Amino acid sequence: RNSYLNGIWGNEERHLTFNPFQPGLPFELSIHCDN
C-alpha cells in the first residue's frame, strides 16, 4: 500500500498477516472511508 502525491511515492506499507485473495476463489472486498 502506498500513495503517489506531488510526483513522489511515499513510504510503503507491506506488513500483513495474510493475503485473502486466493487464485480460483471468489471474493467480496468492502472499503469503508471515514475522516
PDB file of all heavy atoms in Angstrom:
ATOM      1  N   ARG A   1       0.839  -1.192   0.000  1.00  0.00           N
ATOM      2  CA  ARG A   1       0.000   0.000   0.000  1.00  0.00           C
ATOM      3  C   ARG A   1       0.877   1.245   0.000  1.00  0.00           C
ATOM      4  O   ARG A   1       1.891   1.280   0.717  1.00  0.00           O
ATOM      5  CB  ARG A   1      -0.923   0.043   1.225  1.00  0.00           C
ATOM      6  CG  ARG A   1      -1.979  -1.060   1.239  1.00  0.00           C
ATOM      7  CD  ARG A   1      -1.523  -2.314   1.899  1.00  0.00           C
ATOM      8  NE  ARG A   1      -1.319  -2.108   3.340  1.00  0.00           N
ATOM      9  CZ  ARG A   1      -0.563  -2.896   4.094  1.00  0.00           C
ATOM     10  NH1 ARG A   1       0.074  -3.925   3.571  1.00  0.00           N
ATOM     11  NH2 ARG A   1      -0.435  -2.661   5.404  1.00  0.00           N
ATOM     12  N   ASN A   2       0.476   2.242  -0.777  1.00  0.00           N
ATOM     13  CA  ASN A   2       1.285   3.452  -0.863  1.00  0.00           C
ATOM     14  C   ASN A   2       0.441   4.587  -1.427  1.00  0.00           C
ATOM     15  O   ASN A   2      -0.709   4.397  -1.840  1.00  0.00           O
ATOM     16  CB  ASN A   2       2.517   3.221  -1.737  1.00  0.00           C
ATOM     17  CG  ASN A   2       3.686   4.123  -1.378  1.00  0.00           C
ATOM     18  OD1 ASN A   2       3.512   5.154  -0.719  1.00  0.00           O
ATOM     19  ND2 ASN A   2       4.880   3.742  -1.795  1.00  0.00           N
ATOM     20  N   SER A   3       1.038   5.808  -1.454  1.00  0.00           N
ATOM     21  CA  SER A   3       0.406   6.988  -2.049  1.00  0.00           C
ATOM     22  C   SER A   3       1.407   7.664  -2.981  1.00  0.00           C
ATOM     23  O   SER A   3       2.612   7.705  -2.685  1.00  0.00           O
ATOM     24  CB  SER A   3      -0.037   7.978  -0.966  1.00  0.00           C
ATOM     25  OG  SER A   3      -1.008   7.419  -0.114  1.00  0.00           O
ATOM     26  N   TYR A   4       0.879   8.189  -4.105  1.00  0.00           N
ATOM     27  CA  TYR A   4       1.696   8.932  -5.057  1.00  0.00           C
ATOM     28  C   TYR A   4       1.180  10.367  -5.086  1.00  0.00           C
ATOM     29  O   TYR A   4       0.139  10.647  -5.682  1.00  0.00           O
ATOM     30  CB  TYR A   4       1.612   8.291  -6.439  1.00  0.00           C
ATOM     31  CG  TYR A   4       2.484   8.934  -7.488  1.00  0.00           C
ATOM     32  CD1 TYR A   4       3.847   8.649  -7.556  1.00  0.00           C
ATOM     33  CD2 TYR A   4       1.943   9.822  -8.413  1.00  0.00           C
ATOM     34  CE1 TYR A   4       4.648   9.223  -8.526  1.00  0.00           C
ATOM     35  CE2 TYR A   4       2.730  10.409  -9.386  1.00  0.00           C
ATOM     36  CZ  TYR A   4       4.082  10.105  -9.441  1.00  0.00           C
ATOM     37  OH  TYR A   4       4.874  10.689 -10.411  1.00  0.00           O
ATOM     38  N   LEU A   5       1.893  11.266  -4.400  1.00  0.00           N
ATOM     39  CA  LEU A   5       1.442  12.649  -4.233  1.00  0.00           C
ATOM     40  C   LEU A   5       2.543  13.616  -4.634  1.00  0.00           C
ATOM     41  O   LEU A   5       3.718  13.410  -4.282  1.00  0.00           O
ATOM     42  CB  LEU A   5       1.021  12.897  -2.778  1.00  0.00           C
ATOM     43  CG  LEU A   5      -0.018  11.920  -2.189  1.00  0.00           C
ATOM     44  CD1 LEU A   5      -0.218  12.200  -0.711  1.00  0.00           C
ATOM     45  CD2 LEU A   5      -1.331  12.012  -2.955  1.00  0.00           C
ATOM     46  N   ASN A   6       2.167  14.649  -5.373  1.00  0.00           N
ATOM     47  CA  ASN A   6       3.118  15.674  -5.817  1.00  0.00           C
ATOM     48  C   ASN A   6       4.291  15.058  -6.569  1.00  0.00           C
ATOM     49  O   ASN A   6       5.449  15.495  -6.443  1.00  0.00           O
ATOM     50  CB  ASN A   6       3.623  16.491  -4.629  1.00  0.00           C
ATOM     51  CG  ASN A   6       2.513  17.218  -3.898  1.00  0.00           C
ATOM     52  OD1 ASN A   6       1.630  17.808  -4.529  1.00  0.00           O
ATOM     53  ND2 ASN A   6       2.541  17.160  -2.572  1.00  0.00           N
ATOM     54  N   GLY A   7       3.997  14.001  -7.347  1.00  0.00           N
ATOM     55  CA  GLY A   7       5.022  13.380  -8.172  1.00  0.00           C
ATOM     56  C   GLY A   7       5.984  12.476  -7.429  1.00  0.00           C
ATOM     57  O   GLY A   7       7.002  12.061  -8.000  1.00  0.00           O
ATOM     58  N   ILE A   8       5.672  12.117  -6.183  1.00  0.00           N
ATOM     59  CA  ILE A   8       6.604  11.315  -5.373  1.00  0.00           C
ATOM     60  C   ILE A   8       5.836  10.190  -4.687  1.00  0.00           C
ATOM     61  O   ILE A   8       4.756  10.409  -4.125  1.00  0.00           O
ATOM     62  CB  ILE A   8       7.312  12.185  -4.308  1.00  0.00           C
ATOM     63  CG1 ILE A   8       8.078  13.325  -4.977  1.00  0.00           C
ATOM     64  CG2 ILE A   8       8.244  11.342  -3.436  1.00  0.00           C
ATOM     65  CD1 ILE A   8       8.660  14.314  -3.997  1.00  0.00           C
ATOM     66  N   TRP A   9       6.409   8.962  -4.721  1.00  0.00           N
ATOM     67  CA  TRP A   9       5.854   7.863  -3.947  1.00  0.00           C
ATOM     68  C   TRP A   9       6.245   8.013  -2.489  1.00  0.00           C
ATOM     69  O   TRP A   9       7.370   8.399  -2.163  1.00  0.00           O
ATOM     70  CB  TRP A   9       6.374   6.518  -4.463  1.00  0.00           C
ATOM     71  CG  TRP A   9       5.740   6.075  -5.753  1.00  0.00           C
ATOM     72  CD1 TRP A   9       6.289   6.105  -6.994  1.00  0.00           C
ATOM     73  CD2 TRP A   9       4.420   5.544  -5.902  1.00  0.00           C
ATOM     74  NE1 TRP A   9       5.401   5.639  -7.926  1.00  0.00           N
ATOM     75  CE2 TRP A   9       4.245   5.270  -7.292  1.00  0.00           C
ATOM     76  CE3 TRP A   9       3.379   5.262  -5.028  1.00  0.00           C
ATOM     77  CZ2 TRP A   9       3.071   4.742  -7.799  1.00  0.00           C
ATOM     78  CZ3 TRP A   9       2.210   4.729  -5.537  1.00  0.00           C
ATOM     79  CH2 TRP A   9       2.057   4.474  -6.895  1.00  0.00           C
ATOM     80  N   GLY A  10       5.323   7.687  -1.594  1.00  0.00           N
ATOM     81  CA  GLY A  10       5.595   7.749  -0.165  1.00  0.00           C
ATOM     82  C   GLY A  10       6.188   6.457   0.359  1.00  0.00           C
ATOM     83  O   GLY A  10       6.687   5.614  -0.413  1.00  0.00           O
ATOM     84  N   ASN A  11       6.150   6.283   1.660  1.00  0.00           N
ATOM     85  CA  ASN A  11       6.667   5.073   2.297  1.00  0.00           C
ATOM     86  C   ASN A  11       5.670   3.931   2.125  1.00  0.00           C
ATOM     87  O   ASN A  11       4.480   4.087   2.399  1.00  0.00           O
ATOM     88  CB  ASN A  11       6.927   5.305   3.785  1.00  0.00           C
ATOM     89  CG  ASN A  11       8.032   6.318   4.015  1.00  0.00           C
ATOM     90  OD1 ASN A  11       9.004   6.373   3.249  1.00  0.00           O
ATOM     91  ND2 ASN A  11       7.892   7.137   5.054  1.00  0.00           N
ATOM     92  N   GLU A  12       6.168   2.777   1.696  1.00  0.00           N
ATOM     93  CA  GLU A  12       5.318   1.614   1.503  1.00  0.00           C
ATOM     94  C   GLU A  12       4.885   1.017   2.841  1.00  0.00           C
ATOM     95  O   GLU A  12       5.637   1.045   3.817  1.00  0.00           O
ATOM     96  CB  GLU A  12       6.051   0.529   0.699  1.00  0.00           C
ATOM     97  CG  GLU A  12       6.198   0.843  -0.766  1.00  0.00           C
ATOM     98  CD  GLU A  12       6.778  -0.339  -1.531  1.00  0.00           C
ATOM     99  OE1 GLU A  12       7.260  -1.293  -0.869  1.00  0.00           O
ATOM    100  OE2 GLU A  12       6.757  -0.313  -2.782  1.00  0.00           O
ATOM    101  N   GLU A  13       3.669   0.495   2.837  1.00  0.00           N
ATOM    102  CA  GLU A  13       3.200  -0.313   3.953  1.00  0.00           C
ATOM    103  C   GLU A  13       3.010  -1.725   3.412  1.00  0.00           C
ATOM    104  O   GLU A  13       2.244  -1.936   2.467  1.00  0.00           O
ATOM    105  CB  GLU A  13       1.891   0.248   4.515  1.00  0.00           C
ATOM    106  CG  GLU A  13       2.032   1.652   5.080  1.00  0.00           C
ATOM    107  CD  GLU A  13       0.731   2.203   5.651  1.00  0.00           C
ATOM    108  OE1 GLU A  13      -0.197   1.384   5.880  1.00  0.00           O
ATOM    109  OE2 GLU A  13       0.637   3.417   5.851  1.00  0.00           O
ATOM    110  N   ARG A  14       3.695  -2.706   4.024  1.00  0.00           N
ATOM    111  CA  ARG A  14       3.700  -4.058   3.468  1.00  0.00           C
ATOM    112  C   ARG A  14       3.244  -5.114   4.463  1.00  0.00           C
ATOM    113  O   ARG A  14       2.812  -6.194   4.071  1.00  0.00           O
ATOM    114  CB  ARG A  14       5.109  -4.428   2.976  1.00  0.00           C
ATOM    115  CG  ARG A  14       5.676  -3.487   1.923  1.00  0.00           C
ATOM    116  CD  ARG A  14       7.071  -3.903   1.521  1.00  0.00           C
ATOM    117  NE  ARG A  14       7.070  -5.166   0.798  1.00  0.00           N
ATOM    118  CZ  ARG A  14       7.028  -5.264  -0.522  1.00  0.00           C
ATOM    119  NH1 ARG A  14       6.970  -4.170  -1.272  1.00  0.00           N
ATOM    120  NH2 ARG A  14       7.033  -6.437  -1.108  1.00  0.00           N
ATOM    121  N   HIS A  15       3.347  -4.839   5.767  1.00  0.00           N
ATOM    122  CA  HIS A  15       3.123  -5.890   6.748  1.00  0.00           C
ATOM    123  C   HIS A  15       1.644  -6.285   6.812  1.00  0.00           C
ATOM    124  O   HIS A  15       0.765  -5.453   7.018  1.00  0.00           O
ATOM    125  CB  HIS A  15       3.567  -5.445   8.139  1.00  0.00           C
ATOM    126  CG  HIS A  15       3.281  -6.469   9.199  1.00  0.00           C
ATOM    127  ND1 HIS A  15       3.974  -7.647   9.294  1.00  0.00           N
ATOM    128  CD2 HIS A  15       2.351  -6.490  10.192  1.00  0.00           C
ATOM    129  CE1 HIS A  15       3.496  -8.353  10.299  1.00  0.00           C
ATOM    130  NE2 HIS A  15       2.510  -7.672  10.868  1.00  0.00           N
ATOM    131  N   LEU A  16       1.383  -7.561   6.579  1.00  0.00           N
ATOM    132  CA  LEU A  16       0.058  -8.142   6.744  1.00  0.00           C
ATOM    133  C   LEU A  16       0.224  -9.585   7.208  1.00  0.00           C
ATOM    134  O   LEU A  16       1.202 -10.258   6.854  1.00  0.00           O
ATOM    135  CB  LEU A  16      -0.733  -8.122   5.429  1.00  0.00           C
ATOM    136  CG  LEU A  16      -1.360  -6.796   5.006  1.00  0.00           C
ATOM    137  CD1 LEU A  16      -2.042  -6.952   3.664  1.00  0.00           C
ATOM    138  CD2 LEU A  16      -2.367  -6.306   6.027  1.00  0.00           C
ATOM    139  N   THR A  17      -0.736 -10.059   7.959  1.00  0.00           N
ATOM    140  CA  THR A  17      -0.647 -11.422   8.465  1.00  0.00           C
ATOM    141  C   THR A  17      -1.102 -12.443   7.438  1.00  0.00           C
ATOM    142  O   THR A  17      -0.745 -13.615   7.523  1.00  0.00           O
ATOM    143  CB  THR A  17      -1.501 -11.581   9.743  1.00  0.00           C
ATOM    144  OG1 THR A  17      -2.845 -11.205   9.437  1.00  0.00           O
ATOM    145  CG2 THR A  17      -0.958 -10.686  10.851  1.00  0.00           C
ATOM    146  N   PHE A  18      -1.905 -12.013   6.426  1.00  0.00           N
ATOM    147  CA  PHE A  18      -2.382 -12.958   5.421  1.00  0.00           C
ATOM    148  C   PHE A  18      -2.840 -12.212   4.174  1.00  0.00           C
ATOM    149  O   PHE A  18      -3.083 -11.009   4.214  1.00  0.00           O
ATOM    150  CB  PHE A  18      -3.536 -13.799   5.977  1.00  0.00           C
ATOM    151  CG  PHE A  18      -4.848 -13.043   6.061  1.00  0.00           C
ATOM    152  CD1 PHE A  18      -5.899 -13.360   5.234  1.00  0.00           C
ATOM    153  CD2 PHE A  18      -5.016 -11.994   6.974  1.00  0.00           C
ATOM    154  CE1 PHE A  18      -7.095 -12.678   5.297  1.00  0.00           C
ATOM    155  CE2 PHE A  18      -6.213 -11.305   7.048  1.00  0.00           C
ATOM    156  CZ  PHE A  18      -7.261 -11.645   6.207  1.00  0.00           C
ATOM    157  N   ASN A  19      -2.931 -12.941   3.064  1.00  0.00           N
ATOM    158  CA  ASN A  19      -3.472 -12.417   1.813  1.00  0.00           C
ATOM    159  C   ASN A  19      -4.738 -13.207   1.488  1.00  0.00           C
ATOM    160  O   ASN A  19      -4.674 -14.382   1.140  1.00  0.00           O
ATOM    161  CB  ASN A  19      -2.447 -12.564   0.687  1.00  0.00           C
ATOM    162  CG  ASN A  19      -2.946 -12.007  -0.643  1.00  0.00           C
ATOM    163  OD1 ASN A  19      -4.114 -11.651  -0.781  1.00  0.00           O
ATOM    164  ND2 ASN A  19      -2.060 -11.929  -1.623  1.00  0.00           N
ATOM    165  N   PRO A  20      -5.905 -12.592   1.627  1.00  0.00           N
ATOM    166  CA  PRO A  20      -7.160 -13.342   1.452  1.00  0.00           C
ATOM    167  C   PRO A  20      -7.532 -13.592  -0.002  1.00  0.00           C
ATOM    168  O   PRO A  20      -8.496 -14.312  -0.265  1.00  0.00           O
ATOM    169  CB  PRO A  20      -8.176 -12.436   2.135  1.00  0.00           C
ATOM    170  CG  PRO A  20      -7.629 -11.068   1.926  1.00  0.00           C
ATOM    171  CD  PRO A  20      -6.137 -11.195   1.989  1.00  0.00           C
ATOM    172  N   PHE A  21      -6.819 -12.979  -0.955  1.00  0.00           N
ATOM    173  CA  PHE A  21      -7.147 -13.166  -2.363  1.00  0.00           C
ATOM    174  C   PHE A  21      -6.445 -14.420  -2.863  1.00  0.00           C
ATOM    175  O   PHE A  21      -5.219 -14.444  -3.011  1.00  0.00           O
ATOM    176  CB  PHE A  21      -6.730 -11.946  -3.185  1.00  0.00           C
ATOM    177  CG  PHE A  21      -7.500 -10.708  -2.836  1.00  0.00           C
ATOM    178  CD1 PHE A  21      -7.038  -9.849  -1.842  1.00  0.00           C
ATOM    179  CD2 PHE A  21      -8.684 -10.400  -3.479  1.00  0.00           C
ATOM    180  CE1 PHE A  21      -7.754  -8.709  -1.507  1.00  0.00           C
ATOM    181  CE2 PHE A  21      -9.393  -9.258  -3.154  1.00  0.00           C
ATOM    182  CZ  PHE A  21      -8.932  -8.413  -2.163  1.00  0.00           C
ATOM    183  N   GLN A  22      -7.219 -15.470  -3.121  1.00  0.00           N
ATOM    184  CA  GLN A  22      -6.659 -16.758  -3.495  1.00  0.00           C
ATOM    185  C   GLN A  22      -7.089 -17.133  -4.913  1.00  0.00           C
ATOM    186  O   GLN A  22      -8.275 -17.024  -5.258  1.00  0.00           O
ATOM    187  CB  GLN A  22      -7.111 -17.839  -2.512  1.00  0.00           C
ATOM    188  CG  GLN A  22      -6.680 -17.585  -1.072  1.00  0.00           C
ATOM    189  CD  GLN A  22      -5.174 -17.542  -0.918  1.00  0.00           C
ATOM    190  OE1 GLN A  22      -4.463 -18.313  -1.541  1.00  0.00           O
ATOM    191  NE2 GLN A  22      -4.682 -16.632  -0.084  1.00  0.00           N
ATOM    192  N   PRO A  23      -6.132 -17.579  -5.749  1.00  0.00           N
ATOM    193  CA  PRO A  23      -6.487 -17.993  -7.120  1.00  0.00           C
ATOM    194  C   PRO A  23      -7.571 -19.059  -7.128  1.00  0.00           C
ATOM    195  O   PRO A  23      -7.562 -19.991  -6.331  1.00  0.00           O
ATOM    196  CB  PRO A  23      -5.160 -18.544  -7.661  1.00  0.00           C
ATOM    197  CG  PRO A  23      -4.105 -17.818  -6.875  1.00  0.00           C
ATOM    198  CD  PRO A  23      -4.691 -17.653  -5.496  1.00  0.00           C
ATOM    199  N   GLY A  24      -8.526 -18.869  -8.044  1.00  0.00           N
ATOM    200  CA  GLY A  24      -9.606 -19.821  -8.205  1.00  0.00           C
ATOM    201  C   GLY A  24     -10.795 -19.608  -7.304  1.00  0.00           C
ATOM    202  O   GLY A  24     -11.766 -20.367  -7.378  1.00  0.00           O
ATOM    203  N   LEU A  25     -10.752 -18.577  -6.448  1.00  0.00           N
ATOM    204  CA  LEU A  25     -11.833 -18.378  -5.484  1.00  0.00           C
ATOM    205  C   LEU A  25     -12.478 -17.007  -5.650  1.00  0.00           C
ATOM    206  O   LEU A  25     -11.809 -16.025  -5.998  1.00  0.00           O
ATOM    207  CB  LEU A  25     -11.309 -18.510  -4.056  1.00  0.00           C
ATOM    208  CG  LEU A  25     -10.792 -19.892  -3.646  1.00  0.00           C
ATOM    209  CD1 LEU A  25     -10.260 -19.856  -2.226  1.00  0.00           C
ATOM    210  CD2 LEU A  25     -11.881 -20.948  -3.779  1.00  0.00           C
ATOM    211  N   PRO A  26     -13.794 -16.893  -5.364  1.00  0.00           N
ATOM    212  CA  PRO A  26     -14.476 -15.590  -5.382  1.00  0.00           C
ATOM    213  C   PRO A  26     -14.115 -14.784  -4.136  1.00  0.00           C
ATOM    214  O   PRO A  26     -13.610 -15.328  -3.147  1.00  0.00           O
ATOM    215  CB  PRO A  26     -15.953 -15.962  -5.400  1.00  0.00           C
ATOM    216  CG  PRO A  26     -16.010 -17.285  -4.722  1.00  0.00           C
ATOM    217  CD  PRO A  26     -14.731 -17.995  -5.078  1.00  0.00           C
ATOM    218  N   PHE A  27     -14.373 -13.482  -4.186  1.00  0.00           N
ATOM    219  CA  PHE A  27     -14.116 -12.611  -3.039  1.00  0.00           C
ATOM    220  C   PHE A  27     -15.135 -11.492  -3.004  1.00  0.00           C
ATOM    221  O   PHE A  27     -15.768 -11.166  -4.009  1.00  0.00           O
ATOM    222  CB  PHE A  27     -12.706 -12.011  -3.101  1.00  0.00           C
ATOM    223  CG  PHE A  27     -12.506 -11.031  -4.237  1.00  0.00           C
ATOM    224  CD1 PHE A  27     -12.854  -9.687  -4.098  1.00  0.00           C
ATOM    225  CD2 PHE A  27     -12.000 -11.452  -5.452  1.00  0.00           C
ATOM    226  CE1 PHE A  27     -12.690  -8.789  -5.145  1.00  0.00           C
ATOM    227  CE2 PHE A  27     -11.837 -10.558  -6.511  1.00  0.00           C
ATOM    228  CZ  PHE A  27     -12.181  -9.221  -6.347  1.00  0.00           C
ATOM    229  N   GLU A  28     -15.288 -10.875  -1.827  1.00  0.00           N
ATOM    230  CA  GLU A  28     -16.031  -9.629  -1.656  1.00  0.00           C
ATOM    231  C   GLU A  28     -15.161  -8.679  -0.867  1.00  0.00           C
ATOM    232  O   GLU A  28     -14.790  -8.952   0.273  1.00  0.00           O
ATOM    233  CB  GLU A  28     -17.351  -9.848  -0.928  1.00  0.00           C
ATOM    234  CG  GLU A  28     -18.124  -8.539  -0.740  1.00  0.00           C
ATOM    235  CD  GLU A  28     -19.487  -8.726  -0.109  1.00  0.00           C
ATOM    236  OE1 GLU A  28     -20.406  -9.141  -0.814  1.00  0.00           O
ATOM    237  OE2 GLU A  28     -19.600  -8.469   1.112  1.00  0.00           O
ATOM    238  N   LEU A  29     -14.795  -7.566  -1.502  1.00  0.00           N
ATOM    239  CA  LEU A  29     -13.949  -6.544  -0.878  1.00  0.00           C
ATOM    240  C   LEU A  29     -14.821  -5.367  -0.484  1.00  0.00           C
ATOM    241  O   LEU A  29     -15.500  -4.778  -1.331  1.00  0.00           O
ATOM    242  CB  LEU A  29     -12.864  -6.094  -1.858  1.00  0.00           C
ATOM    243  CG  LEU A  29     -11.997  -4.902  -1.442  1.00  0.00           C
ATOM    244  CD1 LEU A  29     -11.164  -5.245  -0.221  1.00  0.00           C
ATOM    245  CD2 LEU A  29     -11.105  -4.463  -2.600  1.00  0.00           C
ATOM    246  N   SER A  30     -14.833  -5.025   0.802  1.00  0.00           N
ATOM    247  CA  SER A  30     -15.592  -3.882   1.303  1.00  0.00           C
ATOM    248  C   SER A  30     -14.624  -2.802   1.748  1.00  0.00           C
ATOM    249  O   SER A  30     -13.681  -3.078   2.503  1.00  0.00           O
ATOM    250  CB  SER A  30     -16.491  -4.299   2.474  1.00  0.00           C
ATOM    251  OG  SER A  30     -17.431  -5.264   2.062  1.00  0.00           O
ATOM    252  N   ILE A  31     -14.854  -1.582   1.278  1.00  0.00           N
ATOM    253  CA  ILE A  31     -13.979  -0.456   1.592  1.00  0.00           C
ATOM    254  C   ILE A  31     -14.802   0.591   2.324  1.00  0.00           C
ATOM    255  O   ILE A  31     -15.805   1.082   1.789  1.00  0.00           O
ATOM    256  CB  ILE A  31     -13.366   0.145   0.313  1.00  0.00           C
ATOM    257  CG1 ILE A  31     -12.642  -0.945  -0.477  1.00  0.00           C
ATOM    258  CG2 ILE A  31     -12.431   1.297   0.651  1.00  0.00           C
ATOM    259  CD1 ILE A  31     -12.834  -0.847  -1.952  1.00  0.00           C
ATOM    260  N   HIS A  32     -14.395   0.928   3.526  1.00  0.00           N
ATOM    261  CA  HIS A  32     -15.077   1.943   4.337  1.00  0.00           C
ATOM    262  C   HIS A  32     -14.146   3.133   4.500  1.00  0.00           C
ATOM    263  O   HIS A  32     -12.966   2.967   4.817  1.00  0.00           O
ATOM    264  CB  HIS A  32     -15.462   1.373   5.702  1.00  0.00           C
ATOM    265  CG  HIS A  32     -16.132   2.378   6.592  1.00  0.00           C
ATOM    266  ND1 HIS A  32     -17.479   2.692   6.474  1.00  0.00           N
ATOM    267  CD2 HIS A  32     -15.650   3.147   7.599  1.00  0.00           C
ATOM    268  CE1 HIS A  32     -17.786   3.611   7.376  1.00  0.00           C
ATOM    269  NE2 HIS A  32     -16.704   3.899   8.067  1.00  0.00           N
ATOM    270  N   CYS A  33     -14.673   4.326   4.268  1.00  0.00           N
ATOM    271  CA  CYS A  33     -13.876   5.547   4.369  1.00  0.00           C
ATOM    272  C   CYS A  33     -14.454   6.450   5.451  1.00  0.00           C
ATOM    273  O   CYS A  33     -15.666   6.663   5.511  1.00  0.00           O
ATOM    274  CB  CYS A  33     -13.863   6.268   3.020  1.00  0.00           C
ATOM    275  SG  CYS A  33     -12.897   7.791   2.993  1.00  0.00           S
ATOM    276  N   ASP A  34     -13.580   6.971   6.330  1.00  0.00           N
ATOM    277  CA  ASP A  34     -14.012   7.977   7.296  1.00  0.00           C
ATOM    278  C   ASP A  34     -12.997   9.118   7.314  1.00  0.00           C
ATOM    279  O   ASP A  34     -12.131   9.199   6.430  1.00  0.00           O
ATOM    280  CB  ASP A  34     -14.216   7.367   8.689  1.00  0.00           C
ATOM    281  CG  ASP A  34     -12.954   6.731   9.258  1.00  0.00           C
ATOM    282  OD1 ASP A  34     -11.848   7.197   8.920  1.00  0.00           O
ATOM    283  OD2 ASP A  34     -13.071   5.783  10.062  1.00  0.00           O
ATOM    284  N   ASN A  35     -13.086  10.004   8.291  1.00  0.00           N
ATOM    285  CA  ASN A  35     -12.207  11.174   8.321  1.00  0.00           C
ATOM    286  C   ASN A  35     -10.745  10.828   8.541  1.00  0.00           C
ATOM    287  O   ASN A  35      -9.851  11.614   8.181  1.00  0.00           O
ATOM    288  CB  ASN A  35     -12.647  12.140   9.434  1.00  0.00           C
ATOM    289  CG  ASN A  35     -13.801  13.018   8.998  1.00  0.00           C
ATOM    290  OD1 ASN A  35     -13.874  13.411   7.839  1.00  0.00           O
ATOM    291  ND2 ASN A  35     -14.718  13.298   9.916  1.00  0.00           N
TER     292      ASN A  35
END
